[in-house]
């Protein structure tokens, strides 16, 4: 896995919110894995890491693909 992807996952995990995660799990009919981050926090994390991949298309595609392959619902949002 790319070190940038690992850094994004680590940063996202730091903001785990057990109450929000539980509420999100109750909201969806299907079983989901979530760390309970609100969308504004996901966007904040994405904005912080964007300069690392800006102008580097192959790297951006790699990181985005790795984030989209994760089962945690917030990670693909950050990858978009």
Protein backbone atom coordinates (compact mmCIF):
# COMPACT_ATOMS: atom_id res chain seq x y z
CA UNK A 1 0.00 0.00 0.00
CA UNK A 2 1.19 3.49 -0.82
CA UNK A 3 2.57 5.45 2.18
CA UNK A 4 0.20 8.35 1.43
CA UNK A 5 -2.77 5.98 1.58
CA UNK A 6 -1.50 4.60 4.89
CA UNK A 7 -1.13 8.15 6.22
CA UNK A 8 -4.69 9.03 5.16
CA UNK A 9 -6.06 5.91 6.84
CA UNK A 10 -4.12 6.64 10.03
CA UNK A 11 -5.32 10.25 10.10
CA UNK A 12 -8.91 9.20 9.46
CA UNK A 13 -8.79 6.56 12.19
CA UNK A 14 -7.62 9.23 14.69
CA UNK A 15 -11.02 10.90 14.36
CA UNK A 16 -13.03 7.75 15.15
CA UNK A 17 -16.31 8.66 16.86
CA UNK A 18 -17.97 5.67 18.50
CA UNK A 19 -21.35 7.39 18.92
CA UNK A 20 -21.54 8.59 15.32
CA UNK A 21 -20.38 5.19 14.08
CA UNK A 22 -23.12 3.45 16.06
CA UNK A 23 -25.74 5.88 14.76
CA UNK A 24 -24.59 5.37 11.16
CA UNK A 25 -24.71 1.61 11.55
CA UNK A 26 -28.32 1.85 12.78
CA UNK A 27 -29.26 4.14 9.88
CA UNK A 28 -28.23 1.78 7.07
CA UNK A 29 -30.21 -1.39 6.40
CA UNK A 30 -27.13 -3.28 5.25
CA UNK A 31 -24.11 -3.86 7.46
CA UNK A 32 -21.48 -1.16 7.04
CA UNK A 33 -18.09 -0.44 8.53
CA UNK A 34 -17.69 3.16 9.63
CA UNK A 35 -15.52 5.28 11.88
CA UNK A 36 -18.27 7.86 12.33
CA UNK A 37 -16.62 10.84 10.67
CA UNK A 38 -18.88 13.64 9.48
CA UNK A 39 -18.54 14.65 5.82
CA UNK A 40 -16.91 18.02 6.67
CA UNK A 41 -14.13 16.17 8.52
CA UNK A 42 -13.65 13.83 5.52
CA UNK A 43 -13.36 16.86 3.24
CA UNK A 44 -10.88 18.49 5.63
CA UNK A 45 -8.67 15.39 5.56
CA UNK A 46 -8.91 15.18 1.75
CA UNK A 47 -7.97 18.85 1.42
CA UNK A 48 -4.92 18.34 3.61
CA UNK A 49 -3.61 15.43 1.55
CA UNK A 50 -4.53 16.74 -1.91
CA UNK A 51 -1.29 18.73 -2.38
CA UNK A 52 0.67 15.46 -2.07
CA UNK A 53 -0.93 14.04 -5.24
CA UNK A 54 -1.75 17.23 -7.17
CA UNK A 55 -0.21 17.13 -10.63
CA UNK A 56 0.86 13.48 -10.20
CA UNK A 57 -1.88 11.58 -12.01
CA UNK A 58 -0.49 8.03 -11.63
CA UNK A 59 0.01 8.58 -7.89
CA UNK A 60 -3.45 10.14 -7.51
CA UNK A 61 -5.05 7.18 -9.30
CA UNK A 62 -3.14 4.73 -7.12
CA UNK A 63 -4.11 6.42 -3.86
CA UNK A 64 -7.74 6.85 -4.94
CA UNK A 65 -7.95 3.19 -5.97
CA UNK A 66 -6.51 2.04 -2.66
CA UNK A 67 -8.95 4.20 -0.69
CA UNK A 68 -11.88 2.93 -2.75
CA UNK A 69 -10.86 -0.67 -2.07
CA UNK A 70 -11.21 -0.17 1.70
CA UNK A 71 -14.35 -1.31 3.52
CA UNK A 72 -14.59 1.72 5.83
CA UNK A 73 -17.29 3.96 4.34
CA UNK A 74 -15.44 7.25 4.92
CA UNK A 75 -12.28 6.33 3.00
CA UNK A 76 -13.76 6.34 -0.52
CA UNK A 77 -15.32 9.73 0.30
CA UNK A 78 -11.86 11.08 1.11
CA UNK A 79 -10.51 9.47 -2.07
CA UNK A 80 -13.01 11.29 -4.23
